[in-house]
């Protein structure tokens, strides 16, 4: 088997299977394992490295499909694998969020994680990010991790409140 480097970024493609029509080797980025596992491992690496912080919303399935050039079903399988591993949680109608990394931080009896939700008014910065008026209602989720009583991390995420129509 030989390898081929394609474009910017760490994309190495294994030249594995041969084309039935032309008899040439065809690049297969997932040679040897299912495609959803490759996607799940890439997302896992991003979560564990902090590129996608705890409590953050994962990109939409359509965005992940475009990024990884994979079918939505494949992306859904990858997200399901991450959910089974306890790295993400999906809320119906809201999306998929990363979960606090309790296992990695080695939380012991002296450590605790606390999550609070509250409604807040958008300040100028949040209003610009969400493209809403200053004062618009947002839901804030704050995840606080303490180790032996000392605060280790505070993660705040925001989302627009769903208005009843």
Protein backbone atom coordinates (compact mmCIF):
# COMPACT_ATOMS: atom_id res chain seq x y z
CA UNK A 1 0.00 0.00 0.00
CA UNK A 2 1.29 3.50 -0.78
CA UNK A 3 0.23 6.89 0.58
CA UNK A 4 -0.65 10.12 -1.14
CA UNK A 5 -0.68 13.63 0.40
CA UNK A 6 -3.68 15.70 -0.72
CA UNK A 7 -3.96 19.46 -0.13
CA UNK A 8 -3.42 21.54 3.00
CA UNK A 9 -3.88 20.05 6.42
CA UNK A 10 -3.17 16.59 7.77
CA UNK A 11 -5.05 14.63 5.12
CA UNK A 12 -3.15 11.50 4.19
CA UNK A 13 -4.97 9.06 1.99
CA UNK A 14 -4.10 5.40 1.81
CA UNK A 15 -4.07 4.01 -1.69
CA UNK A 16 -5.85 0.77 -1.07
CA UNK A 17 -8.68 -0.65 -3.14
CA UNK A 18 -8.38 -0.82 -6.90
CA UNK A 19 -10.90 0.56 -9.31
CA UNK A 20 -12.85 -2.25 -10.95
CA UNK A 21 -13.19 -0.21 -14.11
CA UNK A 22 -9.65 1.07 -14.58
CA UNK A 23 -7.52 -1.18 -12.38
CA UNK A 24 -5.84 1.79 -10.66
CA UNK A 25 -5.54 2.35 -6.95
CA UNK A 26 -8.18 4.70 -5.53
CA UNK A 27 -7.56 7.01 -2.53
CA UNK A 28 -9.49 5.86 0.51
CA UNK A 29 -9.10 8.10 3.60
CA UNK A 30 -10.51 5.41 5.89
CA UNK A 31 -8.65 2.37 4.65
CA UNK A 32 -8.88 -0.36 7.27
CA UNK A 33 -11.67 1.10 9.41
CA UNK A 34 -15.21 2.42 8.96
CA UNK A 35 -15.48 6.06 7.86
CA UNK A 36 -17.62 7.07 10.85
CA UNK A 37 -14.83 5.88 13.18
CA UNK A 38 -12.32 8.16 11.41
CA UNK A 39 -14.69 11.12 11.85
CA UNK A 40 -15.41 10.20 15.48
CA UNK A 41 -11.68 9.97 16.25
CA UNK A 42 -11.02 13.39 14.66
CA UNK A 43 -13.84 14.97 16.69
CA UNK A 44 -12.62 13.16 19.83
CA UNK A 45 -9.14 14.62 19.28
CA UNK A 46 -10.61 18.12 18.94
CA UNK A 47 -12.64 17.70 22.13
CA UNK A 48 -9.73 16.26 24.13
CA UNK A 49 -7.31 18.95 22.91
CA UNK A 50 -9.72 21.72 23.91
CA UNK A 51 -10.29 22.93 20.33
CA UNK A 52 -13.95 22.18 21.09
CA UNK A 53 -14.25 23.15 24.78
CA UNK A 54 -16.52 21.43 27.33
CA UNK A 55 -20.10 22.64 27.02
CA UNK A 56 -19.60 23.93 23.46
CA UNK A 57 -22.01 23.20 20.65
CA UNK A 58 -20.66 20.90 17.93
CA UNK A 59 -21.03 22.12 14.33
CA UNK A 60 -24.27 21.13 12.60
CA UNK A 61 -24.46 17.75 10.86
CA UNK A 62 -24.57 19.49 7.50
CA UNK A 63 -21.36 21.40 8.30
CA UNK A 64 -19.61 18.23 9.46
CA UNK A 65 -20.83 16.41 6.33
CA UNK A 66 -19.29 19.10 4.15
CA UNK A 67 -16.04 19.23 6.15
CA UNK A 68 -15.48 15.47 6.12
CA UNK A 69 -17.08 14.92 2.70
CA UNK A 70 -19.33 12.25 4.17
CA UNK A 71 -23.02 11.44 4.14
CA UNK A 72 -25.14 12.73 7.02
CA UNK A 73 -25.82 9.17 8.13
CA UNK A 74 -22.08 8.62 8.51
CA UNK A 75 -21.76 11.81 10.56
CA UNK A 76 -24.69 10.70 12.73
CA UNK A 77 -22.94 7.37 13.37
CA UNK A 78 -19.79 9.26 14.43
CA UNK A 79 -21.80 11.46 16.82
CA UNK A 80 -23.54 8.35 18.20
CA UNK A 81 -20.11 6.81 18.91
CA UNK A 82 -19.06 9.97 20.76
CA UNK A 83 -22.35 9.94 22.69
CA UNK A 84 -21.75 6.31 23.73
CA UNK A 85 -18.25 7.28 24.90
CA UNK A 86 -19.78 10.04 27.06
CA UNK A 87 -18.01 12.86 25.22
CA UNK A 88 -21.15 14.56 23.87
CA UNK A 89 -24.83 14.87 24.70
CA UNK A 90 -27.62 15.68 22.25
CA UNK A 91 -30.60 17.83 23.20
CA UNK A 92 -33.55 17.52 20.84
CA UNK A 93 -34.02 20.73 18.88
CA UNK A 94 -30.91 22.33 20.36
CA UNK A 95 -27.96 20.37 19.04
CA UNK A 96 -25.06 18.32 20.32
CA UNK A 97 -22.85 19.67 23.12
CA UNK A 98 -19.57 18.41 24.51
CA UNK A 99 -19.82 17.19 28.07
CA UNK A 100 -17.56 18.21 30.95
CA UNK A 101 -14.43 16.05 30.89
CA UNK A 102 -14.69 14.47 34.31
CA UNK A 103 -12.79 11.31 33.43
CA UNK A 104 -9.80 13.13 31.89
CA UNK A 105 -9.35 15.52 34.79
CA UNK A 106 -9.27 12.62 37.21
CA UNK A 107 -12.07 13.94 39.39
CA UNK A 108 -11.83 12.33 42.78
CA UNK A 109 -13.83 12.68 45.97
CA UNK A 110 -12.55 16.25 46.38
CA UNK A 111 -13.77 17.32 42.93
CA UNK A 112 -17.25 18.29 41.79
CA UNK A 113 -18.94 19.69 38.72
CA UNK A 114 -21.95 21.98 38.96
CA UNK A 115 -24.16 23.18 36.10
CA UNK A 116 -26.57 26.10 36.32
CA UNK A 117 -29.01 27.50 33.74
CA UNK A 118 -30.41 31.02 33.78
CA UNK A 119 -32.03 33.51 31.45
CA UNK A 120 -29.93 36.59 30.68
CA UNK A 121 -30.26 39.69 28.51
CA UNK A 122 -27.81 39.94 25.60
CA UNK A 123 -25.14 42.59 26.04
CA UNK A 124 -23.68 44.36 22.99
CA UNK A 125 -21.12 41.61 22.28
CA UNK A 126 -23.59 38.72 22.57
CA UNK A 127 -26.21 40.63 20.57
CA UNK A 128 -23.68 41.07 17.74
CA UNK A 129 -22.72 37.38 17.84
CA UNK A 130 -26.34 36.19 17.74
CA UNK A 131 -27.48 38.97 15.37
CA UNK A 132 -30.21 40.10 17.77
CA UNK A 133 -31.02 43.33 19.58
CA UNK A 134 -29.27 44.27 22.83
CA UNK A 135 -31.44 42.96 25.66
CA UNK A 136 -32.77 39.93 23.74
CA UNK A 137 -33.39 36.89 25.95
CA UNK A 138 -30.64 34.25 25.96
CA UNK A 139 -30.20 31.08 27.99
CA UNK A 140 -26.84 30.88 29.76
CA UNK A 141 -25.44 27.52 30.87
CA UNK A 142 -22.57 27.73 33.34
CA UNK A 143 -20.52 24.66 34.19
CA UNK A 144 -18.24 25.07 37.18
CA UNK A 145 -15.59 22.54 38.20
CA UNK A 146 -14.06 22.64 41.67
CA UNK A 147 -11.18 20.55 42.97
CA UNK A 148 -10.83 20.42 46.74
CA UNK A 149 -12.99 23.54 46.99
CA UNK A 150 -10.92 25.62 44.54
CA UNK A 151 -12.51 26.62 41.23
CA UNK A 152 -10.69 24.93 38.34
CA UNK A 153 -12.79 25.92 35.33
CA UNK A 154 -15.86 27.96 34.50
CA UNK A 155 -17.48 27.40 31.09
CA UNK A 156 -20.37 29.57 29.95
CA UNK A 157 -22.39 28.80 26.82
CA UNK A 158 -25.29 30.79 25.44
CA UNK A 159 -28.21 30.02 23.14
CA UNK A 160 -31.25 31.89 21.94
CA UNK A 161 -34.45 31.16 23.79
CA UNK A 162 -37.10 29.44 21.71
CA UNK A 163 -40.10 31.77 21.59
CA UNK A 164 -43.60 30.34 21.47
CA UNK A 165 -45.47 31.20 18.30
